[in-house]
Amino acid sequence: MTETSAKEPAKDTDELILTNSLITREELDEFKVIALKEYGIKLTDSQAFEQATALLNLFDALVKKRLESTRGRVNINTNRLPDVATKL
């Protein structure tokens, strides 16, 4: 969590539109509970949305990097059909 988040007064008057977003209302609320419980910071919806989205994007980048690394070692040929399928 950022220092500015801790210093700013939390306002729950933010109206976020979560349609087609990476995070649901329930997940956003859970993120806010975790931030309060673990760090003592009460986040607004906007702050929680920004930080939760950044965290999800970080995980996404890490997973993609890991998959690229694994694919390079495994040498998977995804363009080739299995022998069984070609005999049908």
N, C-alpha and C. Protein backbone atom coordinates (compact mmCIF):
# COMPACT_ATOMS: atom_id res chain seq x y z
N MET A 1 0.84 -1.17 0.00
CA MET A 1 0.00 0.00 0.00
C MET A 1 0.89 1.24 0.00
N THR A 2 0.43 2.27 -0.61
CA THR A 2 1.23 3.49 -0.68
C THR A 2 1.05 4.33 0.56
N GLU A 3 2.03 5.19 0.82
CA GLU A 3 1.94 6.07 1.97
C GLU A 3 0.79 7.06 1.82
N THR A 4 0.54 7.49 0.61
CA THR A 4 -0.53 8.46 0.40
C THR A 4 -1.89 7.85 0.74
N SER A 5 -2.01 6.55 0.53
CA SER A 5 -3.27 5.89 0.86
C SER A 5 -3.55 5.96 2.36
N ALA A 6 -2.51 5.85 3.14
CA ALA A 6 -2.69 5.88 4.58
C ALA A 6 -3.01 7.29 5.08
N LYS A 7 -2.54 8.30 4.39
CA LYS A 7 -2.72 9.67 4.84
C LYS A 7 -4.03 10.29 4.38
N GLU A 8 -4.55 9.83 3.25
CA GLU A 8 -5.77 10.41 2.72
C GLU A 8 -6.98 9.90 3.48
N PRO A 9 -7.93 10.77 3.77
CA PRO A 9 -9.15 10.29 4.42
C PRO A 9 -9.94 9.41 3.47
N ALA A 10 -10.44 8.33 4.00
CA ALA A 10 -11.20 7.40 3.16
C ALA A 10 -12.62 7.89 2.99
N LYS A 11 -13.06 7.96 1.75
CA LYS A 11 -14.43 8.35 1.44
C LYS A 11 -15.05 7.21 0.65
N ASP A 12 -16.19 6.72 1.07
CA ASP A 12 -16.86 5.67 0.33
C ASP A 12 -17.94 6.23 -0.59
N THR A 13 -17.77 7.49 -0.98
CA THR A 13 -18.74 8.10 -1.89
C THR A 13 -18.38 7.84 -3.35
N ASP A 14 -17.25 7.16 -3.55
CA ASP A 14 -16.82 6.84 -4.92
C ASP A 14 -17.83 5.91 -5.57
N GLU A 15 -18.19 6.21 -6.79
CA GLU A 15 -19.07 5.34 -7.56
C GLU A 15 -18.27 4.74 -8.70
N LEU A 16 -17.87 3.50 -8.53
CA LEU A 16 -17.11 2.82 -9.58
C LEU A 16 -18.04 1.98 -10.43
N ILE A 17 -17.75 1.95 -11.71
CA ILE A 17 -18.47 1.05 -12.61
C ILE A 17 -17.55 -0.12 -12.85
N LEU A 18 -17.91 -1.28 -12.32
CA LEU A 18 -17.05 -2.46 -12.37
C LEU A 18 -17.40 -3.40 -13.52
N THR A 19 -18.29 -2.98 -14.40
CA THR A 19 -18.65 -3.80 -15.54
C THR A 19 -17.43 -3.99 -16.43
N ASN A 20 -17.19 -5.22 -16.84
CA ASN A 20 -16.06 -5.58 -17.71
C ASN A 20 -14.70 -5.23 -17.09
N SER A 21 -14.60 -5.25 -15.78
CA SER A 21 -13.31 -4.98 -15.15
C SER A 21 -12.67 -6.29 -14.71
N LEU A 22 -11.44 -6.20 -14.27
CA LEU A 22 -10.71 -7.37 -13.81
C LEU A 22 -11.18 -7.85 -12.44
N ILE A 23 -11.95 -7.04 -11.75
CA ILE A 23 -12.31 -7.34 -10.37
C ILE A 23 -13.81 -7.12 -10.16
N THR A 24 -14.41 -7.99 -9.38
CA THR A 24 -15.83 -7.86 -9.07
C THR A 24 -16.02 -7.01 -7.82
N ARG A 25 -17.24 -6.61 -7.57
CA ARG A 25 -17.56 -5.84 -6.36
C ARG A 25 -17.18 -6.63 -5.11
N GLU A 26 -17.49 -7.92 -5.09
CA GLU A 26 -17.19 -8.76 -3.93
C GLU A 26 -15.68 -8.84 -3.70
N GLU A 27 -14.92 -8.99 -4.77
CA GLU A 27 -13.46 -9.06 -4.65
C GLU A 27 -12.88 -7.73 -4.19
N LEU A 28 -13.45 -6.63 -4.68
CA LEU A 28 -13.00 -5.31 -4.27
C LEU A 28 -13.25 -5.11 -2.78
N ASP A 29 -14.43 -5.49 -2.32
CA ASP A 29 -14.74 -5.37 -0.90
C ASP A 29 -13.82 -6.24 -0.05
N GLU A 30 -13.53 -7.44 -0.52
CA GLU A 30 -12.61 -8.33 0.21
C GLU A 30 -11.21 -7.73 0.26
N PHE A 31 -10.76 -7.13 -0.84
CA PHE A 31 -9.46 -6.47 -0.89
C PHE A 31 -9.39 -5.35 0.15
N LYS A 32 -10.47 -4.58 0.26
CA LYS A 32 -10.53 -3.49 1.24
C LYS A 32 -10.45 -4.02 2.67
N VAL A 33 -11.12 -5.15 2.93
CA VAL A 33 -11.08 -5.77 4.26
C VAL A 33 -9.66 -6.23 4.59
N ILE A 34 -9.00 -6.84 3.62
CA ILE A 34 -7.63 -7.31 3.82
C ILE A 34 -6.69 -6.14 4.08
N ALA A 35 -6.83 -5.06 3.33
CA ALA A 35 -5.98 -3.88 3.52
C ALA A 35 -6.17 -3.31 4.92
N LEU A 36 -7.40 -3.28 5.38
CA LEU A 36 -7.68 -2.76 6.72
C LEU A 36 -7.12 -3.69 7.79
N LYS A 37 -7.34 -4.99 7.63
CA LYS A 37 -6.91 -5.97 8.63
C LYS A 37 -5.38 -6.07 8.69
N GLU A 38 -4.73 -6.17 7.53
CA GLU A 38 -3.29 -6.40 7.48
C GLU A 38 -2.45 -5.14 7.64
N TYR A 39 -2.95 -4.00 7.14
CA TYR A 39 -2.15 -2.78 7.12
C TYR A 39 -2.76 -1.61 7.89
N GLY A 40 -3.98 -1.79 8.38
CA GLY A 40 -4.63 -0.71 9.12
C GLY A 40 -5.01 0.47 8.25
N ILE A 41 -5.22 0.22 6.94
CA ILE A 41 -5.53 1.29 5.99
C ILE A 41 -6.94 1.08 5.46
N LYS A 42 -7.77 2.11 5.61
CA LYS A 42 -9.11 2.06 5.05
C LYS A 42 -9.07 2.72 3.68
N LEU A 43 -9.23 1.90 2.65
CA LEU A 43 -9.15 2.39 1.27
C LEU A 43 -10.53 2.78 0.75
N THR A 44 -10.55 3.78 -0.10
CA THR A 44 -11.77 4.11 -0.82
C THR A 44 -11.92 3.08 -1.93
N ASP A 45 -13.08 3.06 -2.55
CA ASP A 45 -13.28 2.15 -3.69
C ASP A 45 -12.25 2.42 -4.79
N SER A 46 -12.01 3.68 -5.09
CA SER A 46 -11.07 4.03 -6.15
C SER A 46 -9.65 3.58 -5.82
N GLN A 47 -9.23 3.80 -4.58
CA GLN A 47 -7.90 3.38 -4.17
C GLN A 47 -7.77 1.86 -4.21
N ALA A 48 -8.78 1.17 -3.70
CA ALA A 48 -8.76 -0.29 -3.69
C ALA A 48 -8.76 -0.83 -5.12
N PHE A 49 -9.57 -0.23 -5.99
CA PHE A 49 -9.63 -0.67 -7.37
C PHE A 49 -8.28 -0.50 -8.06
N GLU A 50 -7.66 0.65 -7.86
CA GLU A 50 -6.36 0.92 -8.48
C GLU A 50 -5.30 -0.06 -7.99
N GLN A 51 -5.25 -0.28 -6.69
CA GLN A 51 -4.22 -1.16 -6.14
C GLN A 51 -4.48 -2.63 -6.45
N ALA A 52 -5.73 -3.05 -6.40
CA ALA A 52 -6.07 -4.44 -6.72
C ALA A 52 -5.79 -4.73 -8.19
N THR A 53 -6.13 -3.80 -9.07
CA THR A 53 -5.88 -3.97 -10.49
C THR A 53 -4.38 -4.04 -10.77
N ALA A 54 -3.61 -3.19 -10.10
CA ALA A 54 -2.15 -3.21 -10.27
C ALA A 54 -1.58 -4.55 -9.81
N LEU A 55 -2.10 -5.08 -8.71
CA LEU A 55 -1.65 -6.37 -8.20
C LEU A 55 -1.99 -7.49 -9.18
N LEU A 56 -3.19 -7.47 -9.72
CA LEU A 56 -3.58 -8.48 -10.72
C LEU A 56 -2.72 -8.39 -11.97
N ASN A 57 -2.41 -7.18 -12.42
CA ASN A 57 -1.55 -7.00 -13.59
C ASN A 57 -0.14 -7.52 -13.33
N LEU A 58 0.35 -7.32 -12.11
CA LEU A 58 1.67 -7.84 -11.74
C LEU A 58 1.67 -9.36 -11.81
N PHE A 59 0.67 -10.00 -11.20
CA PHE A 59 0.58 -11.46 -11.24
C PHE A 59 0.47 -11.96 -12.68
N ASP A 60 -0.30 -11.26 -13.49
CA ASP A 60 -0.46 -11.65 -14.89
C ASP A 60 0.89 -11.62 -15.60
N ALA A 61 1.67 -10.57 -15.39
CA ALA A 61 2.98 -10.45 -16.02
C ALA A 61 3.92 -11.55 -15.54
N LEU A 62 3.88 -11.85 -14.25
CA LEU A 62 4.74 -12.91 -13.70
C LEU A 62 4.37 -14.27 -14.26
N VAL A 63 3.08 -14.56 -14.37
CA VAL A 63 2.63 -15.84 -14.90
C VAL A 63 3.02 -15.97 -16.37
N LYS A 64 2.83 -14.91 -17.15
CA LYS A 64 3.21 -14.95 -18.57
C LYS A 64 4.70 -15.19 -18.72
N LYS A 65 5.50 -14.52 -17.92
CA LYS A 65 6.95 -14.69 -17.97
C LYS A 65 7.32 -16.13 -17.63
N ARG A 66 6.67 -16.68 -16.62
CA ARG A 66 6.95 -18.06 -16.21
C ARG A 66 6.55 -19.05 -17.30
N LEU A 67 5.40 -18.83 -17.93
CA LEU A 67 4.95 -19.72 -18.99
C LEU A 67 5.91 -19.67 -20.19
N GLU A 68 6.37 -18.48 -20.54
CA GLU A 68 7.31 -18.35 -21.64
C GLU A 68 8.60 -19.10 -21.33
N SER A 69 9.06 -18.99 -20.11
CA SER A 69 10.27 -19.68 -19.69
C SER A 69 10.08 -21.19 -19.75
N THR A 70 8.94 -21.67 -19.28
CA THR A 70 8.65 -23.10 -19.27
C THR A 70 8.51 -23.64 -20.68
N ARG A 71 7.83 -22.93 -21.55
CA ARG A 71 7.65 -23.37 -22.94
C ARG A 71 8.99 -23.52 -23.64
N GLY A 72 9.90 -22.62 -23.34
CA GLY A 72 11.22 -22.68 -23.96
C GLY A 72 11.99 -23.93 -23.55
N ARG A 73 11.79 -24.41 -22.33
CA ARG A 73 12.49 -25.59 -21.85
C ARG A 73 11.82 -26.88 -22.27
N VAL A 74 10.49 -26.88 -22.37
CA VAL A 74 9.75 -28.10 -22.66
C VAL A 74 9.76 -28.43 -24.14
N ASN A 75 9.85 -27.42 -25.00
CA ASN A 75 9.86 -27.61 -26.45
C ASN A 75 8.58 -28.27 -26.93
N ILE A 76 7.47 -27.63 -26.67
CA ILE A 76 6.15 -28.14 -27.06
C ILE A 76 5.86 -27.69 -28.49
N ASN A 77 5.48 -28.64 -29.35
CA ASN A 77 5.09 -28.31 -30.72
C ASN A 77 3.57 -28.35 -30.76
N THR A 78 2.92 -27.20 -30.71
CA THR A 78 1.46 -27.15 -30.66
C THR A 78 0.83 -27.20 -32.04
N ASN A 79 1.63 -27.13 -33.09
CA ASN A 79 1.08 -27.14 -34.45
C ASN A 79 0.88 -28.56 -34.99
N ARG A 80 1.45 -29.54 -34.35
CA ARG A 80 1.39 -30.91 -34.84
C ARG A 80 0.21 -31.64 -34.22
N LEU A 81 -0.58 -32.32 -35.04
CA LEU A 81 -1.70 -33.11 -34.55
C LEU A 81 -1.18 -34.44 -34.02
N PRO A 82 -1.83 -34.99 -33.01
CA PRO A 82 -1.42 -36.30 -32.52
C PRO A 82 -1.57 -37.36 -33.62
N ASP A 83 -0.74 -38.39 -33.60
CA ASP A 83 -0.76 -39.46 -34.60
C ASP A 83 -2.11 -40.14 -34.69
N VAL A 84 -2.81 -40.27 -33.58
CA VAL A 84 -4.10 -40.93 -33.56
C VAL A 84 -5.11 -40.16 -34.42
N ALA A 85 -5.09 -38.86 -34.34
CA ALA A 85 -6.04 -38.04 -35.09
C ALA A 85 -5.79 -38.12 -36.60
N THR A 86 -4.56 -38.28 -37.01
CA THR A 86 -4.26 -38.32 -38.44
C THR A 86 -4.64 -39.66 -39.06
N LYS A 87 -4.80 -40.72 -38.25
CA LYS A 87 -5.15 -42.05 -38.77
C LYS A 87 -6.65 -42.22 -38.93
N LEU A 88 -7.44 -41.31 -38.41
CA LEU A 88 -8.91 -41.45 -38.50
C LEU A 88 -9.44 -41.12 -39.85
